[in-house]
Protein backbone atom coordinates (compact mmCIF):
# COMPACT_ATOMS: atom_id res chain seq x y z
CA UNK A 1 -63.21 0.19 -78.93
CA UNK A 2 -66.73 0.75 -77.67
CA UNK A 3 -67.48 3.56 -75.17
CA UNK A 4 -67.47 2.26 -71.61
CA UNK A 5 -67.85 3.57 -68.07
CA UNK A 6 -65.63 2.41 -65.23
CA UNK A 7 -65.98 3.25 -61.53
CA UNK A 8 -62.88 4.69 -59.88
CA UNK A 9 -62.50 3.03 -56.42
CA UNK A 10 -62.43 5.29 -53.36
CA UNK A 11 -63.03 8.39 -55.48
CA UNK A 12 -66.83 8.43 -55.78
CA UNK A 13 -66.40 9.06 -59.50
CA UNK A 14 -66.41 7.27 -62.85
CA UNK A 15 -64.28 7.47 -65.95
CA UNK A 16 -65.58 7.30 -69.53
CA UNK A 17 -63.43 5.62 -72.20
CA UNK A 18 -64.30 6.57 -75.80
CA UNK A 19 -62.49 6.06 -79.13
CA UNK A 20 -60.65 8.95 -80.75
CA UNK A 21 -62.93 9.73 -83.71
CA UNK A 22 -60.47 12.21 -85.22
CA UNK A 23 -58.21 9.31 -86.24
CA UNK A 24 -60.80 7.87 -88.59
CA UNK A 25 -59.60 10.15 -91.38
CA UNK A 26 -55.88 9.98 -90.56
CA UNK A 27 -53.50 7.61 -92.28
CA UNK A 28 -50.55 6.70 -90.09
CA UNK A 29 -48.68 5.06 -92.95
CA UNK A 30 -48.34 5.32 -96.70
CA UNK A 31 -51.16 3.61 -98.56
CA UNK A 32 -49.88 1.05 -101.03
CA UNK A 33 -51.89 -1.09 -103.48
CA UNK A 34 -53.09 -4.50 -102.35
CA UNK A 35 -53.08 -7.52 -104.59
CA UNK A 36 -56.27 -9.39 -105.48
CA UNK A 37 -54.45 -11.86 -107.71
CA UNK A 38 -51.50 -11.81 -110.09
CA UNK A 39 -53.20 -9.38 -112.49
CA UNK A 40 -55.43 -7.22 -110.26
CA UNK A 41 -54.78 -4.81 -107.41
CA UNK A 42 -56.67 -2.04 -105.65
CA UNK A 43 -56.05 1.01 -103.49
CA UNK A 44 -57.37 0.40 -99.96
CA UNK A 45 -59.85 2.91 -98.56
CA UNK A 46 -57.82 4.16 -95.62
CA UNK A 47 -54.66 2.52 -94.35
CA UNK A 48 -56.59 -0.54 -93.13
CA UNK A 49 -59.30 -0.50 -95.84
CA UNK A 50 -61.88 -0.01 -93.05
CA UNK A 51 -62.56 3.71 -93.41
CA UNK A 52 -66.07 3.50 -94.95
CA UNK A 53 -67.17 1.06 -92.24
CA UNK A 54 -65.75 3.37 -89.57
CA UNK A 55 -67.63 6.32 -91.07
CA UNK A 56 -70.91 4.39 -91.04
CA UNK A 57 -70.29 3.33 -87.45
CA UNK A 58 -69.82 6.95 -86.35
CA UNK A 59 -73.00 7.97 -88.18
CA UNK A 60 -75.07 5.14 -86.72
CA UNK A 61 -73.79 5.76 -83.18
CA UNK A 62 -75.39 9.21 -82.96
CA UNK A 63 -79.09 9.87 -83.39
CA UNK A 64 -78.65 13.41 -84.69
CA UNK A 65 -75.97 12.55 -87.26
CA UNK A 66 -77.92 9.57 -88.64
CA UNK A 67 -81.08 11.67 -88.90
CA UNK A 68 -79.23 14.49 -90.65
CA UNK A 69 -77.63 12.02 -93.05
CA UNK A 70 -80.92 10.52 -94.21
CA UNK A 71 -82.50 13.99 -94.37
CA UNK A 72 -79.71 15.14 -96.71
CA UNK A 73 -80.32 12.11 -98.93
CA UNK A 74 -84.07 12.80 -98.96
CA UNK A 75 -83.49 16.44 -99.88
CA UNK A 76 -81.17 15.39 -102.70
CA UNK A 77 -83.77 12.90 -103.95
CA UNK A 78 -86.39 15.66 -104.21
CA UNK A 79 -89.34 14.49 -106.28
CA UNK A 80 -87.29 11.70 -107.84
CA UNK A 81 -85.36 11.24 -111.07
CA UNK A 82 -87.12 11.04 -114.40
CA UNK A 83 -86.09 11.13 -118.05
CA UNK A 84 -87.92 14.16 -119.42
CA UNK A 85 -89.36 13.38 -122.85
CA UNK A 86 -91.32 16.59 -123.43
CA UNK A 87 -88.81 17.86 -126.03
CA UNK A 88 -88.06 14.68 -127.91
CA UNK A 89 -86.93 15.44 -131.45
CA UNK A 90 -88.88 14.08 -134.41
CA UNK A 91 -87.28 11.21 -136.28
CA UNK A 92 -87.90 9.72 -139.70
CA UNK A 93 -87.23 6.19 -138.52
CA UNK A 94 -88.79 6.34 -135.06
CA UNK A 95 -91.83 8.36 -134.10
CA UNK A 96 -91.68 10.54 -130.99
CA UNK A 97 -94.34 8.44 -129.27
CA UNK A 98 -92.39 5.24 -129.85
CA UNK A 99 -89.22 6.79 -128.46
CA UNK A 100 -91.05 8.06 -125.36
CA UNK A 101 -92.45 4.56 -124.84
CA UNK A 102 -88.95 3.08 -125.23
CA UNK A 103 -87.56 5.47 -122.61
CA UNK A 104 -90.40 4.69 -120.21
CA UNK A 105 -89.84 0.97 -120.67
CA UNK A 106 -86.10 1.43 -119.96
CA UNK A 107 -86.65 3.40 -116.73
CA UNK A 108 -89.30 0.96 -115.49
CA UNK A 109 -87.26 -2.16 -116.19
CA UNK A 110 -84.15 -0.73 -114.51
CA UNK A 111 -85.91 0.72 -111.45
CA UNK A 112 -84.42 4.17 -111.97
CA UNK A 113 -86.12 5.51 -108.83
CA UNK A 114 -84.49 2.95 -106.55
CA UNK A 115 -81.12 3.42 -108.23
CA UNK A 116 -81.38 7.19 -107.79
CA UNK A 117 -82.15 6.74 -104.09
CA UNK A 118 -78.97 4.73 -103.69
CA UNK A 119 -76.95 7.29 -105.63
CA UNK A 120 -78.21 10.04 -103.31
CA UNK A 121 -77.15 8.07 -100.23
CA UNK A 122 -73.72 7.30 -101.69
CA UNK A 123 -72.96 10.84 -102.85
CA UNK A 124 -74.11 12.34 -99.55
CA UNK A 125 -72.31 9.82 -97.35
CA UNK A 126 -69.08 9.13 -99.23
CA UNK A 127 -68.89 11.83 -101.92
CA UNK A 128 -69.09 9.50 -104.93
CA UNK A 129 -71.31 6.90 -106.56
CA UNK A 130 -70.70 4.17 -109.11
CA UNK A 131 -73.15 3.15 -111.84
CA UNK A 132 -72.71 0.13 -114.12
CA UNK A 133 -74.07 0.19 -117.67
CA UNK A 134 -74.60 -2.93 -119.75
CA UNK A 135 -74.78 -2.88 -123.55
CA UNK A 136 -76.50 -5.29 -125.89
CA UNK A 137 -74.52 -7.91 -127.75
CA UNK A 138 -74.13 -5.69 -130.79
CA UNK A 139 -72.78 -2.86 -128.64
CA UNK A 140 -74.97 -0.09 -130.06
CA UNK A 141 -77.46 0.19 -127.21
CA UNK A 142 -77.37 0.50 -123.43
CA UNK A 143 -80.00 -1.90 -122.19
CA UNK A 144 -79.39 -1.92 -118.44
CA UNK A 145 -78.02 0.26 -115.66
CA UNK A 146 -77.44 -0.62 -112.01
CA UNK A 147 -75.82 0.83 -108.93
CA UNK A 148 -72.79 -0.53 -107.16
CA UNK A 149 -72.78 0.50 -103.50
CA UNK A 150 -69.88 2.84 -102.82
CA UNK A 151 -69.20 1.00 -99.54
CA UNK A 152 -68.00 -2.05 -101.48
CA UNK A 153 -66.19 -0.27 -104.34
CA UNK A 154 -62.41 0.03 -104.53
CA UNK A 155 -60.40 1.66 -107.31
CA UNK A 156 -57.42 0.24 -109.14
CA UNK A 157 -54.16 2.23 -109.07
CA UNK A 158 -53.82 5.10 -111.52
CA UNK A 159 -52.34 3.99 -114.83
CA UNK A 160 -49.59 5.61 -116.88
CA UNK A 161 -52.09 7.94 -118.52
CA UNK A 162 -53.26 9.22 -115.12
CA UNK A 163 -56.60 7.42 -115.25
CA UNK A 164 -58.19 4.87 -112.97
CA UNK A 165 -58.88 1.89 -115.19
CA UNK A 166 -61.02 -0.43 -113.07
CA UNK A 167 -63.49 -0.56 -110.19
CA UNK A 168 -63.38 -3.64 -107.98
CA UNK A 169 -66.61 -4.58 -106.22
CA UNK A 170 -66.71 -7.04 -103.31
CA UNK A 171 -67.50 -7.45 -99.63
CA UNK A 172 -64.02 -6.58 -98.41
CA UNK A 173 -64.70 -7.53 -94.80
CA UNK A 174 -64.99 -11.16 -95.74
CA UNK A 175 -61.96 -13.20 -96.62
CA UNK A 176 -63.23 -13.54 -100.16
CA UNK A 177 -61.33 -15.35 -102.86
CA UNK A 178 -60.39 -13.51 -106.07
CA UNK A 179 -63.36 -15.07 -107.85
CA UNK A 180 -65.71 -13.14 -105.53
CA UNK A 181 -64.32 -9.78 -106.67
CA UNK A 182 -66.16 -8.23 -109.61
CA UNK A 183 -63.81 -6.15 -111.77
CA UNK A 184 -65.44 -3.56 -114.03
CA UNK A 185 -63.77 -1.37 -116.64
CA UNK A 186 -64.11 2.29 -115.66
CA UNK A 187 -64.89 4.84 -118.36
CA UNK A 188 -62.94 8.07 -118.51
CA UNK A 189 -64.36 10.30 -115.80
CA UNK A 190 -63.90 13.46 -117.88
CA UNK A 191 -65.57 12.16 -121.06
CA UNK A 192 -67.31 8.82 -120.57
CA UNK A 193 -69.41 9.11 -123.74
CA UNK A 194 -66.55 9.41 -126.24
CA UNK A 195 -64.49 6.89 -124.27
CA UNK A 196 -67.32 4.37 -124.61
CA UNK A 197 -67.74 5.10 -128.33
CA UNK A 198 -64.01 4.71 -128.86
CA UNK A 199 -63.86 1.36 -127.06
CA UNK A 200 -66.75 -0.04 -129.10
CA UNK A 201 -65.31 1.26 -132.39
CA UNK A 202 -61.96 -0.42 -131.62
CA UNK A 203 -63.74 -3.74 -131.31
CA UNK A 204 -63.80 -4.16 -127.55
CA UNK A 205 -65.72 -7.27 -126.54
CA UNK A 206 -66.58 -5.84 -123.13
CA UNK A 207 -70.21 -4.96 -122.64
CA UNK A 208 -70.19 -3.86 -119.02
CA UNK A 209 -68.66 -0.55 -117.91
CA UNK A 210 -68.61 1.57 -114.76
CA UNK A 211 -69.36 5.29 -114.68
CA UNK A 212 -68.03 7.28 -111.74
CA UNK A 213 -69.92 10.26 -110.32
CA UNK A 214 -67.60 11.99 -107.89
CA UNK A 215 -67.57 15.35 -106.16
CA UNK A 216 -64.42 17.23 -107.27
CA UNK A 217 -62.96 17.72 -103.80
CA UNK A 218 -59.40 18.92 -103.23
CA UNK A 219 -58.22 16.21 -100.86
CA UNK A 220 -57.88 12.79 -102.42
CA UNK A 221 -57.12 11.18 -105.76
CA UNK A 222 -59.16 8.08 -105.06
CA UNK A 223 -61.66 8.38 -102.19
CA UNK A 224 -62.92 11.83 -101.19
CA UNK A 225 -63.08 12.80 -97.52
CA UNK A 226 -66.71 13.73 -96.70
CA UNK A 227 -67.51 17.39 -96.12
CA UNK A 228 -68.69 16.57 -92.58
CA UNK A 229 -65.33 15.07 -91.55
CA UNK A 230 -64.69 18.08 -89.33
CA UNK A 231 -67.57 16.88 -87.16
CA UNK A 232 -65.58 13.84 -86.05
CA UNK A 233 -62.28 15.69 -85.88
CA UNK A 234 -63.72 18.36 -83.60
CA UNK A 235 -65.13 18.07 -80.09
CA UNK A 236 -68.89 18.54 -80.32
CA UNK A 237 -69.59 15.03 -81.58
CA UNK A 238 -67.62 13.63 -78.64
CA UNK A 239 -69.27 16.03 -76.16
CA UNK A 240 -72.77 14.96 -77.18
CA UNK A 241 -71.89 11.27 -76.94
CA UNK A 242 -70.11 11.70 -73.59
CA UNK A 243 -73.14 13.45 -72.11
CA UNK A 244 -75.41 10.61 -73.25
CA UNK A 245 -73.06 7.97 -71.84
CA UNK A 246 -72.73 9.84 -68.56
CA UNK A 247 -76.49 10.19 -68.14
CA UNK A 248 -77.03 6.53 -68.98
CA UNK A 249 -74.38 5.52 -66.46
CA UNK A 250 -76.00 7.70 -63.81
CA UNK A 251 -79.38 6.11 -64.41
CA UNK A 252 -77.94 2.63 -64.13
CA UNK A 253 -75.49 3.07 -61.27
CA UNK A 254 -76.64 6.06 -59.24
CA UNK A 255 -80.06 7.11 -60.40
CA UNK A 256 -81.29 10.23 -58.59
CA UNK A 257 -84.00 9.60 -55.99
CA UNK A 258 -87.30 11.14 -56.99
CA UNK A 259 -89.61 9.82 -54.29
CA UNK A 260 -89.08 9.11 -50.59
CA UNK A 261 -91.57 6.46 -49.40
CA UNK A 262 -91.89 6.00 -45.66
CA UNK A 263 -93.82 2.93 -44.40
CA UNK A 264 -94.48 2.43 -40.68
CA UNK A 265 -93.88 -0.96 -39.09
CA UNK A 266 -97.47 -0.98 -37.89
CA UNK A 267 -98.62 -0.86 -41.51
CA UNK A 268 -97.12 -4.29 -42.17
CA UNK A 269 -98.58 -5.72 -38.99
CA UNK A 270 -102.04 -4.53 -39.96
CA UNK A 271 -101.59 -5.86 -43.50
CA UNK A 272 -100.47 -9.31 -42.37
CA UNK A 273 -103.25 -9.47 -39.80
CA UNK A 274 -105.91 -8.46 -42.30
CA UNK A 275 -104.75 -11.04 -44.87
CA UNK A 276 -103.98 -13.66 -42.21
CA UNK A 277 -100.37 -14.16 -43.29
CA UNK A 278 -98.16 -15.91 -40.71
CA UNK A 279 -95.47 -17.61 -42.80
CA UNK A 280 -92.25 -15.47 -42.73
CA UNK A 281 -91.50 -16.29 -46.37
CA UNK A 282 -94.97 -15.25 -47.47
CA UNK A 283 -94.68 -12.08 -45.38
CA UNK A 284 -91.51 -11.16 -47.28
CA UNK A 285 -93.18 -11.88 -50.61
CA UNK A 286 -96.18 -9.73 -49.60
CA UNK A 287 -93.90 -6.85 -48.65
CA UNK A 288 -92.21 -7.00 -52.07
CA UNK A 289 -95.62 -7.08 -53.73
CA UNK A 290 -96.79 -4.05 -51.75
CA UNK A 291 -93.68 -2.08 -52.69
CA UNK A 292 -94.18 -2.94 -56.36
CA UNK A 293 -97.79 -1.77 -56.15
CA UNK A 294 -96.66 1.61 -54.81
CA UNK A 295 -93.97 1.91 -57.49
CA UNK A 296 -96.52 1.05 -60.19
CA UNK A 297 -98.85 3.67 -58.77
CA UNK A 298 -96.16 6.34 -58.94
CA UNK A 299 -94.76 5.43 -62.37
CA UNK A 300 -97.77 4.17 -64.29
CA UNK A 301 -99.05 6.51 -66.98
CA UNK A 302 -102.62 5.39 -66.40
CA UNK A 303 -102.33 6.58 -62.78
CA UNK A 304 -101.47 10.15 -63.69
CA UNK A 305 -103.60 12.57 -61.69
CA UNK A 306 -104.83 9.97 -59.18
CA UNK A 307 -104.53 10.38 -55.38
CA UNK A 308 -103.10 8.07 -52.72
CA UNK A 309 -105.02 7.75 -49.42
CA UNK A 310 -103.42 6.54 -46.20
CA UNK A 311 -104.19 6.72 -42.47
CA UNK A 312 -102.30 8.88 -40.01
CA UNK A 313 -102.71 10.32 -36.50
CA UNK A 314 -101.25 13.29 -34.62
CA UNK A 315 -99.19 12.76 -31.49
CA UNK A 316 -99.67 14.99 -28.39
CA UNK A 317 -96.67 17.07 -29.41
CA UNK A 318 -98.31 17.86 -32.77
CA UNK A 319 -96.33 15.52 -35.04
CA UNK A 320 -98.08 13.58 -37.77
CA UNK A 321 -97.64 9.81 -37.87
CA UNK A 322 -98.44 8.13 -41.20
CA UNK A 323 -98.73 4.48 -42.06
CA UNK A 324 -97.47 5.32 -45.56
CA UNK A 325 -95.97 8.64 -46.53
CA UNK A 326 -94.79 9.51 -50.03
CA UNK A 327 -92.65 12.60 -50.47
CA UNK A 328 -91.53 13.86 -53.88
CA UNK A 329 -87.93 15.06 -53.87
CA UNK A 330 -87.11 18.13 -55.93
CA UNK A 331 -84.24 17.07 -58.16
CA UNK A 332 -85.02 19.28 -61.13
CA UNK A 333 -81.52 20.75 -61.01
CA UNK A 334 -79.81 17.37 -60.87
CA UNK A 335 -78.15 16.87 -64.24
CA UNK A 336 -79.94 19.88 -65.67
CA UNK A 337 -76.63 21.63 -66.24
CA UNK A 338 -76.15 19.41 -69.31
CA UNK A 339 -79.35 20.42 -71.07
CA UNK A 340 -77.89 23.54 -72.65
CA UNK A 341 -74.74 21.62 -73.62
CA UNK A 342 -76.79 18.97 -75.41
CA UNK A 343 -78.72 21.63 -77.29
CA UNK A 344 -75.53 23.40 -78.28
CA UNK A 345 -73.95 20.12 -79.45
CA UNK A 346 -77.02 19.22 -81.51
CA UNK A 347 -77.04 22.64 -83.14
CA UNK A 348 -73.35 22.31 -83.99
CA UNK A 349 -73.89 18.86 -85.54
CA UNK A 350 -76.78 20.16 -87.63
CA UNK A 351 -74.64 23.13 -88.68
CA UNK A 352 -71.83 20.86 -89.90
CA UNK A 353 -74.35 18.66 -91.74
CA UNK A 354 -75.77 21.83 -93.34
CA UNK A 355 -79.27 21.37 -91.92
CA UNK A 356 -81.23 23.78 -89.79
CA UNK A 357 -82.09 21.95 -86.59
CA UNK A 358 -85.77 22.92 -86.82
CA UNK A 359 -86.09 21.07 -90.13
CA UNK A 360 -85.21 17.73 -88.54
CA UNK A 361 -86.72 18.53 -85.12
CA UNK A 362 -83.63 17.40 -83.24
CA UNK A 363 -83.26 20.27 -80.77
CA UNK A 364 -84.27 19.03 -77.30
CA UNK A 365 -86.09 21.00 -74.66
CA UNK A 366 -89.33 22.97 -74.59
CA UNK A 367 -87.96 26.49 -74.59
CA UNK A 368 -85.91 26.51 -77.80
CA UNK A 369 -86.59 29.16 -80.40
CA UNK A 370 -88.92 27.82 -83.05
CA UNK A 371 -89.14 29.26 -86.53
CA UNK A 372 -92.41 30.25 -88.12
CA UNK A 373 -93.98 28.22 -90.91
CA UNK A 374 -92.79 30.74 -93.50
CA UNK A 375 -89.21 30.52 -92.24
CA UNK A 376 -89.27 26.72 -92.31
CA UNK A 377 -90.70 26.75 -95.82
CA UNK A 378 -87.91 29.02 -97.02
CA UNK A 379 -85.29 26.90 -95.24
CA UNK A 380 -86.66 23.81 -96.97
CA UNK A 381 -86.60 25.57 -100.35
CA UNK A 382 -83.02 26.73 -99.81
CA UNK A 383 -81.98 23.19 -98.88
CA UNK A 384 -83.46 21.75 -102.05
CA UNK A 385 -82.05 24.50 -104.28
CA UNK A 386 -78.55 23.79 -102.94
CA UNK A 387 -78.68 20.21 -104.27
CA UNK A 388 -77.97 21.13 -107.89
CA UNK A 389 -74.25 20.43 -107.57
CA UNK A 390 -74.88 16.92 -106.26
CA UNK A 391 -77.56 16.16 -108.84
CA UNK A 392 -75.31 17.30 -111.69
CA UNK A 393 -72.76 14.74 -110.54
CA UNK A 394 -75.37 11.99 -110.17
CA UNK A 395 -76.82 12.71 -113.63
CA UNK A 396 -73.56 11.80 -115.44
CA UNK A 397 -74.39 8.13 -116.15
CA UNK A 398 -77.96 9.05 -117.07
CA UNK A 399 -76.81 11.69 -119.56
CA UNK A 400 -74.50 9.08 -121.04
CA UNK A 401 -77.37 6.60 -121.45
CA UNK A 402 -79.64 9.13 -123.14
CA UNK A 403 -76.96 10.32 -125.54
CA UNK A 404 -75.61 6.89 -126.43
CA UNK A 405 -79.10 5.49 -127.08
CA UNK A 406 -79.92 8.42 -129.37
CA UNK A 407 -82.85 9.75 -127.39
CA UNK A 408 -82.38 13.24 -128.77
CA UNK A 409 -84.21 15.92 -126.81
CA UNK A 410 -84.63 13.84 -123.65
CA UNK A 411 -82.72 14.77 -120.49
CA UNK A 412 -82.49 13.66 -116.84
CA UNK A 413 -84.46 15.84 -114.48
CA UNK A 414 -85.22 15.92 -110.76
CA UNK A 415 -88.02 18.35 -109.82
CA UNK A 416 -87.83 19.55 -106.24
CA UNK A 417 -90.79 19.70 -103.91
CA UNK A 418 -91.78 23.28 -103.18
CA UNK A 419 -93.97 23.84 -100.13
CA UNK A 420 -96.75 26.33 -100.80
CA UNK A 421 -98.54 28.98 -98.77
CA UNK A 422 -102.08 28.61 -97.49
CA UNK A 423 -103.51 30.97 -100.09
CA UNK A 424 -102.65 28.47 -102.86
CA UNK A 425 -105.00 25.90 -101.24
CA UNK A 426 -102.57 22.98 -101.63
CA UNK A 427 -99.76 21.57 -99.54
CA UNK A 428 -96.95 21.32 -102.07
CA UNK A 429 -96.06 21.42 -105.75
CA UNK A 430 -93.14 20.31 -107.87
CA UNK A 431 -90.84 22.75 -109.58
CA UNK A 432 -87.74 22.54 -111.77
CA UNK A 433 -84.64 24.67 -112.03
CA UNK A 434 -84.50 26.15 -115.51
């Protein structure tokens, strides 16, 4: 249900209907596996398998939440992922330079930067990401790696050994046939490297495997509930949206009057006489045109600071009589009682998303407290330093690739961008966590 505003007859009031966002993360019934075909089944994401789409809808419906979400992904991305080859071990068969060139060729051909961007969005939005590795025909080398969007991934039921055996990838909103569902064998989450080695040694003919990077939350066996779920279960998200809907409804249905424009009847007579207009229809059209000209004068940005001249005379009793009189109505207090509520709601949303509101510039108003440059720099550094947990999870498939391919001494690394002070004579530098 979309938010809507309805006028209550004979009450001079309106009612706002909004969906209950707290129910997005609530399952009203037991979740049971769904069949793809006779051999395959999956666990739906939420009781109706629509939970990830509902989460995205809630994020996209609010400007602050969507901005915070992309900011979190950007912070996690840092200076980008790279395979560090500075400490490559010497090899009798392969020289260090050749191995570094092989690693560079692998990262370039597989667009590691773009894949890492997607992993950051998935891990920050849904709490997990799925990478697919592809081996060569011989099975002794990983030659390709790609991302599977978490939005379209569903897990198979847990097997007898307590492990999830497959990842199913498809556009679940379409009535797709079983042939449209890609089923990928999932490596053991605890030890994907030795699981892969064991499968190859046992003669497995499969050459495509999925590697799961998941935050070890305490809530769900299959799909983690995002850390920001409390935002939609609480009230501040709804308060901010309700205020926006109410203001929009007021502008459309009962916009406050800002200017009072008084036009004397004699003004029209003089105008028609000067332009020699006698046709009643043309008189009406000229009146509409004149009103539009006044409105354009008052609202046009290019007219800011200009003055309006009109004739008037004073009656014997001392009253002024104007042909055209424009009076500005003081309505600064009209609707102003919501300004502090909006600011408080924005601050609460940023707090839940673990972002200081000054870093994303989402606090409205001119009088809010603004941090100094040093404070913002430290806040930015703290935000980047707190991403280690997420990056460690994202690095799992990349560590597997490096180890399986025998690139001894190489390791995945994501330097973070450190803003500098003015005395260093540069804007920023990259740094790594040792």
